[in-house]
């Protein structure tokens, strides 16, 4: 597979980089497909990842449906079939900013502002689509032979919750159709083993958004399994000489200040609750309580 670098050099792609380059190029082809279907789209970042690729896109108030994702994938196939050449070019900073302004690419323009003054600002173009990128990429869109749009989610611009929430569209790409089919089979098997699916089918547990996402409530069958596992583990521990204790689910802020946890983990702990003039927090770890149990009486170093 031939790849092209931003200086225009074309070479055979090293075997270990094939998947990464394909996925990176797939992100560009997906962005072009999105641009065709949703001309108002403004693009953030679109990298390759260990699991596939994605692009963060500002679609205004539009919410994508499953039908929209299918349409994007279909448009990608048209772009691949058209076998568009992918060509790089480099611009001085002022010209790069002007190009992004002309194309209404405000996120790319902002990204240019984040680059060092001596940064090389390069672009890749395929047909009517231009993307700021360091590359490398495949030389023609037809080299992308096996890909699939997998899901969408939300992502803040620059991963900063103070910024706008963008739509993250994910996909996968492989060198061959056989690899893609193997991936799809693996995903199908994983869905069949999904604990959320099995738990619901077997009436083991339930969840409700009013309680909180990801917070299971164990039903009679599920809690029976829980208790049997708990009893089994505790019996094993007792045979090994472990002794069990129980400590409160809350503790004073002073306890965690003494242990040192407060200074390090305060930002990730639940807010303190004032009760009768004393501040308590929900227990995030057991060790401070257990240290107090240990300190309750003298212990020989022997």
Protein backbone atom coordinates (compact mmCIF):
# COMPACT_ATOMS: atom_id res chain seq x y z
CA UNK A 1 0.00 0.00 0.00
CA UNK A 2 1.39 3.38 -1.02
CA UNK A 3 1.25 6.30 1.40
CA UNK A 4 1.98 9.99 0.95
CA UNK A 5 3.69 12.28 3.45
CA UNK A 6 2.95 15.97 3.81
CA UNK A 7 6.06 16.93 1.84
CA UNK A 8 4.69 14.95 -1.11
CA UNK A 9 6.96 11.94 -0.68
CA UNK A 10 5.25 8.69 -1.75
CA UNK A 11 6.51 5.38 -0.41
CA UNK A 12 5.41 1.87 0.47
CA UNK A 13 3.74 1.83 3.88
CA UNK A 14 5.65 -0.10 6.58
CA UNK A 15 3.61 -3.17 7.53
CA UNK A 16 3.35 -2.13 11.17
CA UNK A 17 1.80 1.24 10.18
CA UNK A 18 -0.79 0.02 7.66
CA UNK A 19 -3.71 -0.16 10.08
CA UNK A 20 -2.96 3.24 11.62
CA UNK A 21 -2.68 4.98 8.23
CA UNK A 22 -5.88 3.35 6.97
CA UNK A 23 -7.79 4.45 10.06
CA UNK A 24 -6.42 7.98 9.87
CA UNK A 25 -7.42 8.20 6.20
CA UNK A 26 -10.82 6.71 7.05
CA UNK A 27 -11.40 9.60 9.46
CA UNK A 28 -10.81 12.07 6.59
CA UNK A 29 -13.08 10.14 4.23
CA UNK A 30 -15.77 10.03 6.91
CA UNK A 31 -15.43 13.79 7.43
CA UNK A 32 -15.86 14.35 3.69
CA UNK A 33 -18.99 12.17 3.75
CA UNK A 34 -20.36 14.17 6.69
CA UNK A 35 -19.60 17.41 4.85
CA UNK A 36 -21.57 16.18 1.83
CA UNK A 37 -24.59 15.20 3.93
CA UNK A 38 -24.44 18.04 6.48
CA UNK A 39 -22.79 21.11 4.88
CA UNK A 40 -23.14 23.06 8.14
CA UNK A 41 -20.78 20.66 9.94
CA UNK A 42 -17.63 22.10 11.51
CA UNK A 43 -14.83 19.68 12.34
CA UNK A 44 -12.67 19.42 15.44
CA UNK A 45 -10.22 16.53 15.76
CA UNK A 46 -10.26 13.27 13.79
CA UNK A 47 -7.47 10.89 14.78
CA UNK A 48 -6.81 7.20 14.40
CA UNK A 49 -6.93 5.20 17.65
CA UNK A 50 -5.93 1.73 18.81
CA UNK A 51 -9.52 0.59 18.27
CA UNK A 52 -10.42 2.51 15.13
CA UNK A 53 -10.97 6.18 14.35
CA UNK A 54 -13.32 9.03 15.17
CA UNK A 55 -14.13 12.60 14.29
CA UNK A 56 -15.50 15.23 16.66
CA UNK A 57 -18.01 17.32 14.74
CA UNK A 58 -20.09 20.39 15.55
CA UNK A 59 -23.49 19.80 13.95
CA UNK A 60 -25.27 22.68 15.64
CA UNK A 61 -28.52 21.49 17.18
CA UNK A 62 -28.78 18.41 14.96
CA UNK A 63 -28.95 15.02 16.66
CA UNK A 64 -27.81 12.13 14.50
CA UNK A 65 -29.97 9.02 14.16
CA UNK A 66 -28.97 5.46 13.29
CA UNK A 67 -30.23 6.23 9.79
CA UNK A 68 -27.85 9.20 9.61
CA UNK A 69 -24.89 7.00 10.58
CA UNK A 70 -25.87 4.49 7.90
CA UNK A 71 -26.09 7.31 5.37
CA UNK A 72 -22.60 8.54 6.33
CA UNK A 73 -21.20 5.04 5.82
CA UNK A 74 -22.91 4.78 2.43
CA UNK A 75 -21.51 8.16 1.37
CA UNK A 76 -18.04 6.99 2.43
CA UNK A 77 -18.41 4.02 0.08
CA UNK A 78 -19.19 6.40 -2.78
CA UNK A 79 -16.06 8.44 -2.01
CA UNK A 80 -13.95 5.28 -1.88
CA UNK A 81 -15.39 4.06 -5.18
CA UNK A 82 -14.65 7.46 -6.80
CA UNK A 83 -10.95 6.74 -6.08
CA UNK A 84 -10.10 10.37 -5.34
CA UNK A 85 -6.38 11.23 -5.14
CA UNK A 86 -5.27 12.46 -1.71
CA UNK A 87 -2.77 15.28 -2.07
CA UNK A 88 -0.87 17.23 0.62
CA UNK A 89 0.18 20.87 0.61
CA UNK A 90 1.85 23.22 3.09
CA UNK A 91 0.91 26.85 3.75
CA UNK A 92 2.43 29.74 5.72
CA UNK A 93 0.50 30.47 8.92
CA UNK A 94 -1.34 33.54 7.62
CA UNK A 95 -2.47 31.71 4.47
CA UNK A 96 -3.49 28.66 6.50
CA UNK A 97 -5.65 30.84 8.77
CA UNK A 98 -7.20 32.56 5.74
CA UNK A 99 -8.04 29.19 4.15
CA UNK A 100 -9.74 27.95 7.29
CA UNK A 101 -11.68 31.20 7.61
CA UNK A 102 -12.85 30.92 4.01
CA UNK A 103 -14.05 27.37 4.69
CA UNK A 104 -15.76 28.33 7.95
CA UNK A 105 -13.54 25.94 9.90
CA UNK A 106 -13.42 27.79 13.22
CA UNK A 107 -12.10 24.81 15.20
CA UNK A 108 -9.23 24.30 12.77
CA UNK A 109 -8.50 28.03 12.89
CA UNK A 110 -8.37 27.88 16.68
CA UNK A 111 -6.08 24.85 16.49
CA UNK A 112 -3.65 26.78 14.29
CA UNK A 113 -3.50 29.39 17.04
CA UNK A 114 -2.43 26.68 19.49
CA UNK A 115 0.52 25.56 17.35
CA UNK A 116 4.09 26.79 17.98
CA UNK A 117 5.19 29.74 15.84
CA UNK A 118 7.64 27.54 13.92
CA UNK A 119 5.12 24.74 13.28
CA UNK A 120 4.75 23.39 9.74
CA UNK A 121 1.05 23.73 8.86
CA UNK A 122 0.07 21.09 6.35
CA UNK A 123 -3.17 20.03 4.71
CA UNK A 124 -4.49 17.04 2.78
CA UNK A 125 -7.11 17.38 0.05
CA UNK A 126 -9.35 14.79 -1.58
CA UNK A 127 -11.87 16.18 -4.01
CA UNK A 128 -13.84 18.98 -2.37
CA UNK A 129 -12.60 18.18 1.14
CA UNK A 130 -9.55 19.79 2.78
CA UNK A 131 -8.29 18.84 6.23
CA UNK A 132 -5.42 20.21 8.30
CA UNK A 133 -3.22 17.22 9.11
CA UNK A 134 0.39 16.05 9.46
CA UNK A 135 -0.33 12.70 7.73
CA UNK A 136 0.73 10.37 6.28
CA UNK A 137 -2.27 9.11 4.28
CA UNK A 138 -3.16 6.66 1.57
CA UNK A 139 -2.63 8.08 -1.92
CA UNK A 140 -6.12 7.27 -3.27
CA UNK A 141 -9.42 6.78 -1.44
CA UNK A 142 -9.92 3.36 -3.05
CA UNK A 143 -7.15 1.95 -0.84
CA UNK A 144 -9.65 1.98 2.04
CA UNK A 145 -11.33 -1.38 1.49
CA UNK A 146 -12.89 -2.40 4.81
CA UNK A 147 -14.55 0.00 7.26
CA UNK A 148 -17.67 0.52 9.32
CA UNK A 149 -19.29 3.32 11.33
CA UNK A 150 -19.86 1.91 14.82
CA UNK A 151 -21.41 4.51 17.12
CA UNK A 152 -21.75 8.12 18.17
CA UNK A 153 -21.24 9.82 21.52
CA UNK A 154 -20.53 13.26 22.95
CA UNK A 155 -17.12 14.86 23.47
CA UNK A 156 -16.14 18.32 24.66
CA UNK A 157 -13.93 20.35 22.36
CA UNK A 158 -10.34 19.87 23.59
CA UNK A 159 -11.74 17.57 26.32
CA UNK A 160 -12.66 20.66 28.35
CA UNK A 161 -16.13 20.67 29.96
CA UNK A 162 -16.16 24.47 29.66
CA UNK A 163 -16.19 24.11 25.86
CA UNK A 164 -19.01 23.06 23.56
CA UNK A 165 -20.13 19.44 23.42
CA UNK A 166 -19.41 18.02 19.97
CA UNK A 167 -20.70 14.85 18.34
CA UNK A 168 -18.06 12.12 18.23
CA UNK A 169 -18.63 9.67 15.39
CA UNK A 170 -16.65 6.44 15.71
CA UNK A 171 -15.67 3.83 13.18
CA UNK A 172 -13.30 0.96 12.50
CA UNK A 173 -11.13 0.22 9.49
CA UNK A 174 -9.02 -2.77 8.51
CA UNK A 175 -6.69 -3.76 5.70
CA UNK A 176 -9.00 -6.55 4.50
CA UNK A 177 -12.69 -7.44 4.51
CA UNK A 178 -11.83 -10.66 6.33
CA UNK A 179 -10.40 -8.68 9.25
CA UNK A 180 -13.53 -6.52 9.39
CA UNK A 181 -15.79 -9.59 9.37
CA UNK A 182 -13.73 -11.15 12.17
CA UNK A 183 -14.13 -7.93 14.18
CA UNK A 184 -17.90 -7.88 13.60
CA UNK A 185 -18.18 -11.51 14.71
CA UNK A 186 -16.20 -10.73 17.86
CA UNK A 187 -18.47 -7.78 18.62
CA UNK A 188 -21.58 -9.90 18.08
CA UNK A 189 -20.26 -12.51 20.52
CA UNK A 190 -19.40 -9.78 23.03
CA UNK A 191 -22.94 -8.37 22.82
CA UNK A 192 -24.34 -11.84 23.49
CA UNK A 193 -22.17 -12.03 26.64
CA UNK A 194 -22.97 -8.48 27.77
CA UNK A 195 -23.75 -8.59 31.50
CA UNK A 196 -26.43 -5.94 31.06
CA UNK A 197 -28.26 -8.14 28.55
CA UNK A 198 -27.83 -11.34 30.59
CA UNK A 199 -28.74 -9.61 33.86
CA UNK A 200 -32.01 -8.35 32.39
CA UNK A 201 -32.92 -11.65 30.72
CA UNK A 202 -32.26 -13.64 33.92
CA UNK A 203 -33.88 -11.05 36.24
CA UNK A 204 -30.66 -10.68 38.22
CA UNK A 205 -30.57 -6.90 38.52
CA UNK A 206 -32.10 -3.74 37.13
CA UNK A 207 -31.09 -0.12 36.66
CA UNK A 208 -33.09 3.08 36.50
CA UNK A 209 -31.85 6.53 35.49
CA UNK A 210 -33.79 8.03 38.39
CA UNK A 211 -31.56 6.06 40.75
CA UNK A 212 -28.44 6.77 38.71
CA UNK A 213 -26.83 5.43 35.55
CA UNK A 214 -24.66 2.40 36.20
CA UNK A 215 -26.07 1.81 39.70
CA UNK A 216 -27.53 -1.73 39.78
CA UNK A 217 -30.36 -2.80 42.04
CA UNK A 218 -30.13 -6.53 42.66
CA UNK A 219 -33.36 -8.49 42.33
CA UNK A 220 -34.06 -11.64 44.42
CA UNK A 221 -32.24 -14.01 42.05
CA UNK A 222 -29.32 -11.66 41.63
CA UNK A 223 -28.94 -11.02 45.34
CA UNK A 224 -29.03 -14.77 45.98
CA UNK A 225 -26.05 -15.12 43.63
CA UNK A 226 -24.36 -12.19 45.41
CA UNK A 227 -24.88 -13.77 48.86
CA UNK A 228 -23.64 -17.19 47.74
CA UNK A 229 -20.48 -15.65 46.30
CA UNK A 230 -20.00 -13.53 49.41
CA UNK A 231 -20.41 -16.53 51.71
CA UNK A 232 -18.01 -18.60 49.62
CA UNK A 233 -15.33 -15.87 49.68
CA UNK A 234 -15.71 -15.17 53.41
CA UNK A 235 -15.47 -18.86 54.26
CA UNK A 236 -12.25 -19.13 52.22
CA UNK A 237 -10.87 -16.07 54.01
CA UNK A 238 -11.74 -17.42 57.47
CA UNK A 239 -9.94 -20.69 56.69
CA UNK A 240 -6.88 -18.64 55.74
CA UNK A 241 -6.96 -16.83 59.07
CA UNK A 242 -8.62 -13.57 58.05
CA UNK A 243 -10.86 -11.84 60.56
CA UNK A 244 -13.67 -9.63 59.35
CA UNK A 245 -14.65 -6.24 60.74
CA UNK A 246 -17.24 -3.65 59.77
CA UNK A 247 -16.81 0.12 59.70
CA UNK A 248 -19.20 3.04 59.05
CA UNK A 249 -20.03 4.19 55.51
CA UNK A 250 -19.11 7.76 56.51
CA UNK A 251 -16.23 9.38 58.33
CA UNK A 252 -15.26 12.84 59.51
CA UNK A 253 -13.26 15.16 57.30
CA UNK A 254 -10.73 15.24 60.15
CA UNK A 255 -10.18 11.48 59.72
CA UNK A 256 -9.25 11.91 56.07
CA UNK A 257 -7.16 14.98 56.80
CA UNK A 258 -5.22 12.90 59.33
CA UNK A 259 -4.75 10.02 56.91
CA UNK A 260 -3.61 12.38 54.15
CA UNK A 261 -6.36 11.35 51.73
CA UNK A 262 -8.16 14.69 51.94
CA UNK A 263 -5.26 16.65 50.46
CA UNK A 264 -4.89 14.24 47.54
CA UNK A 265 -8.42 13.05 46.79
CA UNK A 266 -10.76 15.83 47.95
CA UNK A 267 -11.69 16.78 44.38
CA UNK A 268 -12.86 13.23 43.66
CA UNK A 269 -14.76 12.68 46.92
CA UNK A 270 -18.40 13.48 47.61
CA UNK A 271 -18.95 16.91 49.21
CA UNK A 272 -18.80 17.10 52.98
CA UNK A 273 -22.09 16.99 54.95
CA UNK A 274 -22.43 18.99 58.15
CA UNK A 275 -24.17 17.15 60.99
CA UNK A 276 -24.41 18.78 64.43
CA UNK A 277 -21.45 21.03 63.72
CA UNK A 278 -19.18 18.26 62.42
CA UNK A 279 -18.26 17.60 58.78
CA UNK A 280 -18.69 14.08 57.40
CA UNK A 281 -17.94 12.56 54.00
CA UNK A 282 -19.09 9.37 52.34
CA UNK A 283 -16.31 6.80 52.77
CA UNK A 284 -14.28 6.50 49.54
CA UNK A 285 -11.80 3.98 51.01
CA UNK A 286 -11.54 1.64 54.00
CA UNK A 287 -7.99 2.12 55.17
CA UNK A 288 -8.40 5.14 57.52
CA UNK A 289 -11.16 3.34 59.46
CA UNK A 290 -9.10 0.17 59.62
CA UNK A 291 -6.07 2.05 60.83
CA UNK A 292 -8.18 3.38 63.69
CA UNK A 293 -9.20 -0.20 64.56
CA UNK A 294 -5.54 -1.19 64.59
CA UNK A 295 -4.67 1.82 66.78
CA UNK A 296 -7.42 0.89 69.24
CA UNK A 297 -5.03 -1.25 71.30
CA UNK A 298 -1.28 -1.87 71.59
CA UNK A 299 0.33 -4.42 69.26
CA UNK A 300 3.64 -6.21 69.76
CA UNK A 301 6.14 -5.94 66.95
CA UNK A 302 6.30 -9.73 67.20
